[in-house]
Amino acid sequence: MNQKDLLTIVVTVFLTIIAWVIIELNGIAQATPTDTDVEAVTLNYTIDTSLLDILEKRTP
């Protein structure tokens, strides 16, 4: 194996790894939801304070 063949193999492997990394990063970027993709959930709740009033009136 001469030097030209070795250089061809090294460059091919290097470019393959670079392409693989770019494709993986692109896939991760597309799979990650952005702020516009996530819906905001509003919490509408009420607290019944009648139980708290009953507990305040009790004496130990």
C-alpha atoms as a PDB file:
ATOM      1  CA  MET A   1       0.000   0.000   0.000  1.00  0.00           C
ATOM      2  CA  ASN A   2       1.573   3.258  -1.047  1.00  0.00           C
ATOM      3  CA  GLN A   3       1.156   6.711   0.372  1.00  0.00           C
ATOM      4  CA  LYS A   4      -1.483   7.797  -2.156  1.00  0.00           C
ATOM      5  CA  ASP A   5      -3.771   4.883  -1.264  1.00  0.00           C
ATOM      6  CA  LEU A   6      -3.385   5.594   2.440  1.00  0.00           C
ATOM      7  CA  LEU A   7      -4.200   9.276   1.914  1.00  0.00           C
ATOM      8  CA  THR A   8      -7.326   8.341  -0.050  1.00  0.00           C
ATOM      9  CA  ILE A   9      -8.519   6.047   2.740  1.00  0.00           C
ATOM     10  CA  VAL A  10      -7.828   8.650   5.451  1.00  0.00           C
ATOM     11  CA  VAL A  11      -9.634  11.425   3.559  1.00  0.00           C
ATOM     12  CA  THR A  12     -12.613   9.152   2.840  1.00  0.00           C
ATOM     13  CA  VAL A  13     -12.933   8.127   6.494  1.00  0.00           C
ATOM     14  CA  PHE A  14     -12.560  11.737   7.651  1.00  0.00           C
ATOM     15  CA  LEU A  15     -15.249  13.020   5.274  1.00  0.00           C
ATOM     16  CA  THR A  16     -17.558  10.146   6.244  1.00  0.00           C
ATOM     17  CA  ILE A  17     -17.243  11.005   9.938  1.00  0.00           C
ATOM     18  CA  ILE A  18     -17.818  14.705   9.279  1.00  0.00           C
ATOM     19  CA  ALA A  19     -20.935  13.938   7.216  1.00  0.00           C
ATOM     20  CA  TRP A  20     -22.192  11.569   9.927  1.00  0.00           C
ATOM     21  CA  VAL A  21     -21.795  14.229  12.631  1.00  0.00           C
ATOM     22  CA  ILE A  22     -23.567  16.857  10.518  1.00  0.00           C
ATOM     23  CA  ILE A  23     -26.477  14.501   9.798  1.00  0.00           C
ATOM     24  CA  GLU A  24     -26.823  13.593  13.493  1.00  0.00           C
ATOM     25  CA  LEU A  25     -26.772  17.248  14.578  1.00  0.00           C
ATOM     26  CA  ASN A  26     -29.401  18.070  11.981  1.00  0.00           C
ATOM     27  CA  GLY A  27     -31.612  15.234  13.237  1.00  0.00           C
ATOM     28  CA  ILE A  28     -31.253  16.395  16.827  1.00  0.00           C
ATOM     29  CA  ALA A  29     -32.109  19.970  15.859  1.00  0.00           C
ATOM     30  CA  GLN A  30     -35.269  18.833  14.070  1.00  0.00           C
ATOM     31  CA  ALA A  31     -36.356  16.542  16.932  1.00  0.00           C
ATOM     32  CA  THR A  32     -35.956  19.192  19.637  1.00  0.00           C
ATOM     33  CA  PRO A  33     -39.165  21.201  20.183  1.00  0.00           C
ATOM     34  CA  THR A  34     -38.891  24.967  20.137  1.00  0.00           C
ATOM     35  CA  ASP A  35     -40.853  27.484  22.184  1.00  0.00           C
ATOM     36  CA  THR A  36     -43.403  27.850  19.406  1.00  0.00           C
ATOM     37  CA  ASP A  37     -43.959  24.070  19.297  1.00  0.00           C
ATOM     38  CA  VAL A  38     -44.711  23.782  23.016  1.00  0.00           C
ATOM     39  CA  GLU A  39     -48.194  24.875  24.013  1.00  0.00           C
ATOM     40  CA  ALA A  40     -48.559  26.857  27.193  1.00  0.00           C
ATOM     41  CA  VAL A  41     -50.944  25.338  29.716  1.00  0.00           C
ATOM     42  CA  THR A  42     -52.901  27.678  31.934  1.00  0.00           C
ATOM     43  CA  LEU A  43     -53.769  26.435  35.378  1.00  0.00           C
ATOM     44  CA  ASN A  44     -57.235  27.507  36.464  1.00  0.00           C
ATOM     45  CA  TYR A  45     -57.904  26.267  39.948  1.00  0.00           C
ATOM     46  CA  THR A  46     -59.864  27.384  42.967  1.00  0.00           C
ATOM     47  CA  ILE A  47     -59.128  26.691  46.583  1.00  0.00           C
ATOM     48  CA  ASP A  48     -62.010  25.871  48.897  1.00  0.00           C
ATOM     49  CA  THR A  49     -61.225  27.738  52.107  1.00  0.00           C
ATOM     50  CA  SER A  50     -64.181  26.432  54.072  1.00  0.00           C
ATOM     51  CA  LEU A  51     -62.105  23.504  55.353  1.00  0.00           C
ATOM     52  CA  LEU A  52     -59.407  25.915  56.532  1.00  0.00           C
ATOM     53  CA  ASP A  53     -62.030  27.943  58.402  1.00  0.00           C
ATOM     54  CA  ILE A  54     -63.322  24.809  60.147  1.00  0.00           C
ATOM     55  CA  LEU A  55     -59.790  23.805  61.155  1.00  0.00           C
ATOM     56  CA  GLU A  56     -59.093  27.293  62.556  1.00  0.00           C
ATOM     57  CA  LYS A  57     -62.193  27.089  64.780  1.00  0.00           C
ATOM     58  CA  ARG A  58     -61.194  23.762  66.308  1.00  0.00           C
ATOM     59  CA  THR A  59     -59.265  23.823  69.554  1.00  0.00           C
ATOM     60  CA  PRO A  60     -56.872  21.093  70.558  1.00  0.00           C
END
